Amino acid sequence: MNLLLLDPAELDGGGVRLAGRRAEHLLRVLKVAVGDAVRVGVIGGQMGRGRVTAIEEETVRLAVELMREPDRDLHLELILALPRPIMLQRILKQATVLGVRRFHLIRSRRVEKSFFHSPVLAPDKIRSLLLEGMEQAMDTWLPEVCIHPQFKPFVEDVLPGLEGQGLIAHPGVDGTVAGLPLSGRPGQRLLLAVGPEGGWSDYELGRFLACGFYGFAMGSRILHVDTAVVSLLAQIQLLYDLRKR
């Protein structure tokens, strides 16, 4: 836990009283004492520091001072063919660490319908995974997760309303990561579409390309979806940073 996240409703006159998992982390892992300072952030808001003012049994009181906005440069949304539940858990957390601002979990031909009934998609479970990613990355942006159980309504009704340059990863297409149309301008918005391990169907790929998505391949090796997502997000951020200079 690199950042102690607070819900805005928890703040009371510039202070907060913590119990449960966060207090346990402060007491057992960080071993704080009265007067110590820790990094804090308000979900959807600013970051700063919290100074320990009291320790009472299993609770910790902090005086909170918020001083700055988190860095929010590249705005990237991930359009993901819904993977197996255990893989989805890893992706939600790691993609949040790597800065994804919104997730679109969609159906593709190679996605099993039963995946949409997984307990992992329960709102409380999703939120806990996202918060873990935010704590790790020291970010206060809580990503939105949108679930689209049918492909055609998503690509016809939702996709045209999304803002940003579209990118779609698919084996065998001509484009490359080096050729990605990234401007490096502050606040650039991107939509990254990643399919199942078997790839998108020809119909699905064609619909994305018709919407102006840039198709590219990652090379000859077929990666697990969670590996591909992490690799792609890291490469896109690096390329964006290089072109920003």
C-alpha atoms as a PDB file:
ATOM      1  CA  MET A   1       0.000   0.000   0.000  1.00  0.00           C
ATOM      2  CA  ASN A   2       1.965   2.984  -1.295  1.00  0.00           C
ATOM      3  CA  LEU A   3      -0.937   5.408  -0.891  1.00  0.00           C
ATOM      4  CA  LEU A   4      -3.586   5.425   1.826  1.00  0.00           C
ATOM      5  CA  LEU A   5      -6.873   6.046   0.022  1.00  0.00           C
ATOM      6  CA  LEU A   6      -9.727   7.869   1.729  1.00  0.00           C
ATOM      7  CA  ASP A   7     -13.347   8.185   0.703  1.00  0.00           C
ATOM      8  CA  PRO A   8     -14.451  11.848   0.655  1.00  0.00           C
ATOM      9  CA  ALA A   9     -17.285  11.000   3.057  1.00  0.00           C
ATOM     10  CA  GLU A  10     -14.779   9.829   5.671  1.00  0.00           C
ATOM     11  CA  LEU A  11     -13.160  13.236   6.096  1.00  0.00           C
ATOM     12  CA  ASP A  12     -14.415  15.183   9.074  1.00  0.00           C
ATOM     13  CA  GLY A  13     -13.026  18.653   9.554  1.00  0.00           C
ATOM     14  CA  GLY A  14      -9.670  17.809   8.063  1.00  0.00           C
ATOM     15  CA  GLY A  15      -9.289  14.570   9.964  1.00  0.00           C
ATOM     16  CA  VAL A  16     -10.180  10.917   9.576  1.00  0.00           C
ATOM     17  CA  ARG A  17     -10.535   7.898  11.851  1.00  0.00           C
ATOM     18  CA  LEU A  18      -9.430   4.578  10.325  1.00  0.00           C
ATOM     19  CA  ALA A  19     -10.185   1.025  11.360  1.00  0.00           C
ATOM     20  CA  GLY A  20      -9.986  -2.357   9.629  1.00  0.00           C
ATOM     21  CA  ARG A  21      -7.525  -3.130   6.807  1.00  0.00           C
ATOM     22  CA  ARG A  22      -6.026   0.359   6.509  1.00  0.00           C
ATOM     23  CA  ALA A  23      -5.495   0.791  10.239  1.00  0.00           C
ATOM     24  CA  GLU A  24      -3.972  -2.671  10.414  1.00  0.00           C
ATOM     25  CA  HIS A  25      -1.547  -1.775   7.637  1.00  0.00           C
ATOM     26  CA  LEU A  26      -0.529   1.407   9.452  1.00  0.00           C
ATOM     27  CA  LEU A  27      -0.040  -0.381  12.743  1.00  0.00           C
ATOM     28  CA  ARG A  28       1.352  -3.765  11.696  1.00  0.00           C
ATOM     29  CA  VAL A  29       3.274  -2.992   8.497  1.00  0.00           C
ATOM     30  CA  LEU A  30       4.298   0.669   8.749  1.00  0.00           C
ATOM     31  CA  LYS A  31       4.389   0.564  12.570  1.00  0.00           C
ATOM     32  CA  VAL A  32       3.368   4.206  12.841  1.00  0.00           C
ATOM     33  CA  ALA A  33       3.495   6.230  16.041  1.00  0.00           C
ATOM     34  CA  VAL A  34       1.831   9.492  16.971  1.00  0.00           C
ATOM     35  CA  GLY A  35       3.424  12.272  14.939  1.00  0.00           C
ATOM     36  CA  ASP A  36       4.375  10.102  11.951  1.00  0.00           C
ATOM     37  CA  ALA A  37       3.239  11.136   8.461  1.00  0.00           C
ATOM     38  CA  VAL A  38       1.971   8.888   5.665  1.00  0.00           C
ATOM     39  CA  ARG A  39       0.968   9.513   2.057  1.00  0.00           C
ATOM     40  CA  VAL A  40      -2.786   9.889   1.586  1.00  0.00           C
ATOM     41  CA  GLY A  41      -5.161  10.552  -1.290  1.00  0.00           C
ATOM     42  CA  VAL A  42      -8.871  11.167  -1.581  1.00  0.00           C
ATOM     43  CA  ILE A  43     -10.646   8.998  -4.132  1.00  0.00           C
ATOM     44  CA  GLY A  44     -11.397  11.247  -7.082  1.00  0.00           C
ATOM     45  CA  GLY A  45      -9.515  14.127  -5.491  1.00  0.00           C
ATOM     46  CA  GLN A  46      -6.189  15.441  -4.250  1.00  0.00           C
ATOM     47  CA  MET A  47      -3.177  13.837  -2.643  1.00  0.00           C
ATOM     48  CA  GLY A  48      -1.191  14.893   0.391  1.00  0.00           C
ATOM     49  CA  ARG A  49      -0.185  13.596   3.782  1.00  0.00           C
ATOM     50  CA  GLY A  50      -1.841  12.379   6.917  1.00  0.00           C
ATOM     51  CA  ARG A  51      -0.197  12.915  10.304  1.00  0.00           C
ATOM     52  CA  VAL A  52      -1.012  10.418  13.037  1.00  0.00           C
ATOM     53  CA  THR A  53      -2.689  12.250  15.917  1.00  0.00           C
ATOM     54  CA  ALA A  54      -3.943   9.321  17.999  1.00  0.00           C
ATOM     55  CA  ILE A  55      -3.793   5.530  18.202  1.00  0.00           C
ATOM     56  CA  GLU A  56      -6.652   3.928  20.096  1.00  0.00           C
ATOM     57  CA  GLU A  57      -6.569   0.126  20.259  1.00  0.00           C
ATOM     58  CA  GLU A  58      -7.157  -0.931  16.625  1.00  0.00           C
ATOM     59  CA  THR A  59      -7.956   2.512  15.220  1.00  0.00           C
ATOM     60  CA  VAL A  60      -5.764   5.332  13.960  1.00  0.00           C
ATOM     61  CA  ARG A  61      -6.639   9.016  13.724  1.00  0.00           C
ATOM     62  CA  LEU A  62      -5.016  11.207  11.086  1.00  0.00           C
ATOM     63  CA  ALA A  63      -4.934  14.935  10.458  1.00  0.00           C
ATOM     64  CA  VAL A  64      -5.137  15.220   6.671  1.00  0.00           C
ATOM     65  CA  GLU A  65      -3.494  17.889   4.545  1.00  0.00           C
ATOM     66  CA  LEU A  66      -4.194  17.756   0.794  1.00  0.00           C
ATOM     67  CA  MET A  67      -1.711  19.623  -1.374  1.00  0.00           C
ATOM     68  CA  ARG A  68      -1.715  18.522  -5.008  1.00  0.00           C
ATOM     69  CA  GLU A  69      -3.549  16.910  -7.844  1.00  0.00           C
ATOM     70  CA  PRO A  70      -2.266  13.540  -9.098  1.00  0.00           C
ATOM     71  CA  ASP A  71      -0.595  13.383 -12.502  1.00  0.00           C
ATOM     72  CA  ARG A  72      -3.224  12.836 -15.199  1.00  0.00           C
ATOM     73  CA  ASP A  73      -1.737  13.034 -18.647  1.00  0.00           C
ATOM     74  CA  LEU A  74      -2.498  10.199 -21.073  1.00  0.00           C
ATOM     75  CA  HIS A  75      -6.177   9.142 -20.914  1.00  0.00           C
ATOM     76  CA  LEU A  76      -6.468   5.512 -21.980  1.00  0.00           C
ATOM     77  CA  GLU A  77      -9.580   3.340 -22.063  1.00  0.00           C
ATOM     78  CA  LEU A  78      -9.251  -0.439 -22.383  1.00  0.00           C
ATOM     79  CA  ILE A  79     -11.773  -2.341 -24.503  1.00  0.00           C
ATOM     80  CA  LEU A  80     -11.291  -5.929 -23.405  1.00  0.00           C
ATOM     81  CA  ALA A  81     -12.912  -9.139 -24.617  1.00  0.00           C
ATOM     82  CA  LEU A  82     -13.950 -10.550 -21.246  1.00  0.00           C
ATOM     83  CA  PRO A  83     -11.331 -13.136 -20.160  1.00  0.00           C
ATOM     84  CA  ARG A  84     -11.566 -15.943 -17.622  1.00  0.00           C
ATOM     85  CA  PRO A  85     -12.417 -14.664 -14.127  1.00  0.00           C
ATOM     86  CA  ILE A  86      -9.036 -15.422 -12.568  1.00  0.00           C
ATOM     87  CA  MET A  87      -7.299 -13.586 -15.412  1.00  0.00           C
ATOM     88  CA  LEU A  88      -9.753 -10.681 -15.206  1.00  0.00           C
ATOM     89  CA  GLN A  89      -8.814 -10.085 -11.571  1.00  0.00           C
ATOM     90  CA  ARG A  90      -5.162  -9.701 -12.499  1.00  0.00           C
ATOM     91  CA  ILE A  91      -5.950  -7.429 -15.435  1.00  0.00           C
ATOM     92  CA  LEU A  92      -8.228  -5.075 -13.494  1.00  0.00           C
ATOM     93  CA  LYS A  93      -5.596  -4.499 -10.841  1.00  0.00           C
ATOM     94  CA  GLN A  94      -2.524  -4.321 -13.086  1.00  0.00           C
ATOM     95  CA  ALA A  95      -4.177  -2.178 -15.756  1.00  0.00           C
ATOM     96  CA  THR A  96      -5.250   0.250 -13.036  1.00  0.00           C
ATOM     97  CA  VAL A  97      -1.643   0.377 -11.836  1.00  0.00           C
ATOM     98  CA  LEU A  98      -0.636   1.229 -15.405  1.00  0.00           C
ATOM     99  CA  GLY A  99      -3.121   4.077 -15.702  1.00  0.00           C
ATOM    100  CA  VAL A 100      -6.254   2.798 -17.471  1.00  0.00           C
ATOM    101  CA  ARG A 101      -9.050   5.307 -16.859  1.00  0.00           C
ATOM    102  CA  ARG A 102     -12.042   3.239 -18.007  1.00  0.00           C
ATOM    103  CA  PHE A 103     -12.637  -0.427 -18.787  1.00  0.00           C
ATOM    104  CA  HIS A 104     -15.121  -1.741 -21.356  1.00  0.00           C
ATOM    105  CA  LEU A 105     -15.611  -5.487 -20.834  1.00  0.00           C
ATOM    106  CA  ILE A 106     -17.256  -6.824 -23.971  1.00  0.00           C
ATOM    107  CA  ARG A 107     -18.451 -10.033 -25.571  1.00  0.00           C
ATOM    108  CA  SER A 108     -16.634 -11.418 -28.568  1.00  0.00           C
ATOM    109  CA  ARG A 109     -17.272 -14.640 -30.474  1.00  0.00           C
ATOM    110  CA  ARG A 110     -14.599 -16.488 -28.484  1.00  0.00           C
ATOM    111  CA  VAL A 111     -15.816 -15.322 -25.059  1.00  0.00           C
ATOM    112  CA  GLU A 112     -17.890 -17.809 -23.087  1.00  0.00           C
ATOM    113  CA  LYS A 113     -21.268 -16.453 -22.058  1.00  0.00           C
ATOM    114  CA  SER A 114     -20.789 -17.872 -18.548  1.00  0.00           C
ATOM    115  CA  PHE A 115     -17.947 -15.397 -17.908  1.00  0.00           C
ATOM    116  CA  PHE A 116     -20.545 -12.636 -17.572  1.00  0.00           C
ATOM    117  CA  HIS A 117     -22.028 -14.391 -14.522  1.00  0.00           C
ATOM    118  CA  SER A 118     -18.757 -14.518 -12.596  1.00  0.00           C
ATOM    119  CA  PRO A 119     -18.688 -13.198  -8.992  1.00  0.00           C
ATOM    120  CA  VAL A 120     -15.629 -11.190 -10.048  1.00  0.00           C
ATOM    121  CA  LEU A 121     -18.015  -8.814 -11.841  1.00  0.00           C
ATOM    122  CA  ALA A 122     -19.839  -7.952  -8.611  1.00  0.00           C
ATOM    123  CA  PRO A 123     -19.449  -4.179  -8.003  1.00  0.00           C
ATOM    124  CA  ASP A 124     -17.831  -4.619  -4.573  1.00  0.00           C
ATOM    125  CA  LYS A 125     -15.271  -7.083  -5.939  1.00  0.00           C
ATOM    126  CA  ILE A 126     -14.426  -4.857  -8.893  1.00  0.00           C
ATOM    127  CA  ARG A 127     -14.021  -1.847  -6.604  1.00  0.00           C
ATOM    128  CA  SER A 128     -11.661  -3.703  -4.269  1.00  0.00           C
ATOM    129  CA  LEU A 129      -9.416  -4.715  -7.192  1.00  0.00           C
ATOM    130  CA  LEU A 130      -9.349  -1.188  -8.568  1.00  0.00           C
ATOM    131  CA  LEU A 131      -8.511   0.276  -5.158  1.00  0.00           C
ATOM    132  CA  GLU A 132      -5.600  -2.150  -4.793  1.00  0.00           C
ATOM    133  CA  GLY A 133      -4.260  -0.917  -8.113  1.00  0.00           C
ATOM    134  CA  MET A 134      -4.689   2.719  -7.111  1.00  0.00           C
ATOM    135  CA  GLU A 135      -2.911   2.146  -3.787  1.00  0.00           C
ATOM    136  CA  GLN A 136       0.001   0.527  -5.602  1.00  0.00           C
ATOM    137  CA  ALA A 137       0.318   3.227  -8.267  1.00  0.00           C
ATOM    138  CA  MET A 138      -0.339   6.177  -5.917  1.00  0.00           C
ATOM    139  CA  ASP A 139      -3.284   7.432  -7.938  1.00  0.00           C
ATOM    140  CA  THR A 140      -6.674   8.726  -6.839  1.00  0.00           C
ATOM    141  CA  TRP A 141      -8.510   8.171 -10.144  1.00  0.00           C
ATOM    142  CA  LEU A 142     -11.070   5.384  -9.653  1.00  0.00           C
ATOM    143  CA  PRO A 143     -11.583   3.825 -13.110  1.00  0.00           C
ATOM    144  CA  GLU A 144     -15.075   3.164 -14.388  1.00  0.00           C
ATOM    145  CA  VAL A 145     -15.921  -0.392 -15.440  1.00  0.00           C
ATOM    146  CA  CYS A 146     -18.617  -0.817 -18.106  1.00  0.00           C
ATOM    147  CA  ILE A 147     -19.931  -4.274 -18.970  1.00  0.00           C
ATOM    148  CA  HIS A 148     -21.288  -4.950 -22.468  1.00  0.00           C
ATOM    149  CA  PRO A 149     -22.632  -8.525 -22.829  1.00  0.00           C
ATOM    150  CA  GLN A 150     -23.293  -8.204 -26.585  1.00  0.00           C
ATOM    151  CA  PHE A 151     -20.785  -7.183 -29.225  1.00  0.00           C
ATOM    152  CA  LYS A 152     -23.046  -5.655 -31.858  1.00  0.00           C
ATOM    153  CA  PRO A 153     -24.828  -3.147 -29.573  1.00  0.00           C
ATOM    154  CA  PHE A 154     -21.452  -2.103 -28.183  1.00  0.00           C
ATOM    155  CA  VAL A 155     -19.814  -1.498 -31.555  1.00  0.00           C
ATOM    156  CA  GLU A 156     -22.897   0.173 -33.055  1.00  0.00           C
ATOM    157  CA  ASP A 157     -24.251   2.230 -30.150  1.00  0.00           C
ATOM    158  CA  VAL A 158     -21.436   2.728 -27.629  1.00  0.00           C
ATOM    159  CA  LEU A 159     -18.193   2.789 -29.588  1.00  0.00           C
ATOM    160  CA  PRO A 160     -19.107   5.742 -31.872  1.00  0.00           C
ATOM    161  CA  GLY A 161     -19.652   7.881 -28.774  1.00  0.00           C
ATOM    162  CA  LEU A 162     -16.255   7.166 -27.232  1.00  0.00           C
ATOM    163  CA  GLU A 163     -13.608   9.838 -27.626  1.00  0.00           C
ATOM    164  CA  GLY A 164     -10.048   9.075 -28.673  1.00  0.00           C
ATOM    165  CA  GLN A 165      -7.789   7.410 -31.219  1.00  0.00           C
ATOM    166  CA  GLY A 166      -8.616   3.723 -31.490  1.00  0.00           C
ATOM    167  CA  LEU A 167      -5.923   1.023 -31.400  1.00  0.00           C
ATOM    168  CA  ILE A 168      -6.616  -2.672 -31.856  1.00  0.00           C
ATOM    169  CA  ALA A 169      -4.133  -5.468 -31.207  1.00  0.00           C
ATOM    170  CA  HIS A 170      -4.507  -8.520 -33.432  1.00  0.00           C
ATOM    171  CA  PRO A 171      -2.046 -11.149 -34.720  1.00  0.00           C
ATOM    172  CA  GLY A 172      -1.147 -10.899 -38.380  1.00  0.00           C
ATOM    173  CA  VAL A 173      -2.149  -7.321 -39.159  1.00  0.00           C
ATOM    174  CA  ASP A 174       0.409  -5.040 -40.793  1.00  0.00           C
ATOM    175  CA  GLY A 175       0.760  -2.296 -38.186  1.00  0.00           C
ATOM    176  CA  THR A 176       3.380  -2.363 -35.430  1.00  0.00           C
ATOM    177  CA  VAL A 177       3.743  -0.872 -31.976  1.00  0.00           C
ATOM    178  CA  ALA A 178       6.383   1.520 -33.334  1.00  0.00           C
ATOM    179  CA  GLY A 179       3.842   2.841 -35.829  1.00  0.00           C
ATOM    180  CA  LEU A 180       1.130   3.657 -33.294  1.00  0.00           C
ATOM    181  CA  PRO A 181      -0.423   7.074 -33.990  1.00  0.00           C
ATOM    182  CA  LEU A 182       0.515   8.689 -30.677  1.00  0.00           C
ATOM    183  CA  SER A 183       0.926  12.462 -30.694  1.00  0.00           C
ATOM    184  CA  GLY A 184       2.405  12.827 -27.220  1.00  0.00           C
ATOM    185  CA  ARG A 185       0.223  15.876 -26.636  1.00  0.00           C
ATOM    186  CA  PRO A 186      -0.986  16.387 -23.061  1.00  0.00           C
ATOM    187  CA  GLY A 187      -4.296  14.697 -22.367  1.00  0.00           C
ATOM    188  CA  GLN A 188      -4.330  12.597 -25.535  1.00  0.00           C
ATOM    189  CA  ARG A 189      -7.175  10.072 -25.397  1.00  0.00           C
ATOM    190  CA  LEU A 190      -6.703   6.510 -26.606  1.00  0.00           C
ATOM    191  CA  LEU A 191      -8.985   3.487 -26.925  1.00  0.00           C
ATOM    192  CA  LEU A 192      -7.072   0.186 -26.821  1.00  0.00           C
ATOM    193  CA  ALA A 193      -8.955  -2.955 -27.896  1.00  0.00           C
ATOM    194  CA  VAL A 194      -7.521  -6.310 -26.800  1.00  0.00           C
ATOM    195  CA  GLY A 195      -9.227  -9.541 -27.798  1.00  0.00           C
ATOM    196  CA  PRO A 196      -9.173 -13.110 -26.494  1.00  0.00           C
ATOM    197  CA  GLU A 197      -6.094 -15.304 -26.891  1.00  0.00           C
ATOM    198  CA  GLY A 198      -7.504 -16.679 -30.135  1.00  0.00           C
ATOM    199  CA  GLY A 199      -7.801 -13.162 -31.488  1.00  0.00           C
ATOM    200  CA  TRP A 200     -10.782 -11.219 -32.775  1.00  0.00           C
ATOM    201  CA  SER A 201     -12.969 -12.762 -35.489  1.00  0.00           C
ATOM    202  CA  ASP A 202     -12.673 -11.279 -38.968  1.00  0.00           C
ATOM    203  CA  TYR A 203     -16.064  -9.602 -38.485  1.00  0.00           C
ATOM    204  CA  GLU A 204     -15.067  -8.074 -35.144  1.00  0.00           C
ATOM    205  CA  LEU A 205     -11.732  -6.841 -36.444  1.00  0.00           C
ATOM    206  CA  GLY A 206     -13.439  -5.348 -39.492  1.00  0.00           C
ATOM    207  CA  ARG A 207     -15.931  -3.439 -37.371  1.00  0.00           C
ATOM    208  CA  PHE A 208     -13.186  -1.860 -35.283  1.00  0.00           C
ATOM    209  CA  LEU A 209     -11.127  -0.967 -38.361  1.00  0.00           C
ATOM    210  CA  ALA A 210     -14.218   0.587 -39.960  1.00  0.00           C
ATOM    211  CA  CYS A 211     -14.474   2.836 -36.890  1.00  0.00           C
ATOM    212  CA  GLY A 212     -10.979   4.186 -37.539  1.00  0.00           C
ATOM    213  CA  PHE A 213      -8.975   1.918 -35.248  1.00  0.00           C
ATOM    214  CA  TYR A 214      -5.309   1.405 -36.060  1.00  0.00           C
ATOM    215  CA  GLY A 215      -4.582  -2.326 -36.272  1.00  0.00           C
ATOM    216  CA  PHE A 216      -1.227  -3.590 -35.073  1.00  0.00           C
ATOM    217  CA  ALA A 217       0.494  -6.804 -34.047  1.00  0.00           C
ATOM    218  CA  MET A 218       2.912  -7.465 -31.191  1.00  0.00           C
ATOM    219  CA  GLY A 219       5.056  -9.955 -33.079  1.00  0.00           C
ATOM    220  CA  SER A 220       4.898 -13.656 -33.856  1.00  0.00           C
ATOM    221  CA  ARG A 221       4.313 -14.914 -30.297  1.00  0.00           C
ATOM    222  CA  ILE A 222       0.794 -15.396 -28.919  1.00  0.00           C
ATOM    223  CA  LEU A 223       0.613 -14.083 -25.361  1.00  0.00           C
ATOM    224  CA  HIS A 224      -1.822 -14.746 -22.560  1.00  0.00           C
ATOM    225  CA  VAL A 225      -4.294 -11.877 -22.363  1.00  0.00           C
ATOM    226  CA  ASP A 226      -3.069 -10.590 -19.002  1.00  0.00           C
ATOM    227  CA  THR A 227       0.533 -10.583 -20.255  1.00  0.00           C
ATOM    228  CA  ALA A 228      -0.494  -8.857 -23.487  1.00  0.00           C
ATOM    229  CA  VAL A 229      -2.427  -6.129 -21.651  1.00  0.00           C
ATOM    230  CA  VAL A 230       0.457  -5.294 -19.311  1.00  0.00           C
ATOM    231  CA  SER A 231       2.978  -5.352 -22.163  1.00  0.00           C
ATOM    232  CA  LEU A 232       0.847  -3.167 -24.408  1.00  0.00           C
ATOM    233  CA  LEU A 233       0.065  -0.595 -21.750  1.00  0.00           C
ATOM    234  CA  ALA A 234       3.736  -0.307 -20.792  1.00  0.00           C
ATOM    235  CA  GLN A 235       4.841   0.080 -24.424  1.00  0.00           C
ATOM    236  CA  ILE A 236       2.147   2.642 -25.196  1.00  0.00           C
ATOM    237  CA  GLN A 237       3.088   4.731 -22.157  1.00  0.00           C
ATOM    238  CA  LEU A 238       6.786   4.587 -23.101  1.00  0.00           C
ATOM    239  CA  LEU A 239       6.090   5.595 -26.695  1.00  0.00           C
ATOM    240  CA  TYR A 240       3.788   8.394 -25.547  1.00  0.00           C
ATOM    241  CA  ASP A 241       6.435   9.722 -23.145  1.00  0.00           C
ATOM    242  CA  LEU A 242       9.109   9.642 -25.854  1.00  0.00           C
ATOM    243  CA  ARG A 243       6.947  11.616 -28.269  1.00  0.00           C
ATOM    244  CA  LYS A 244       5.972  14.084 -25.583  1.00  0.00           C
ATOM    245  CA  ARG A 245       9.522  15.374 -25.217  1.00  0.00           C
END
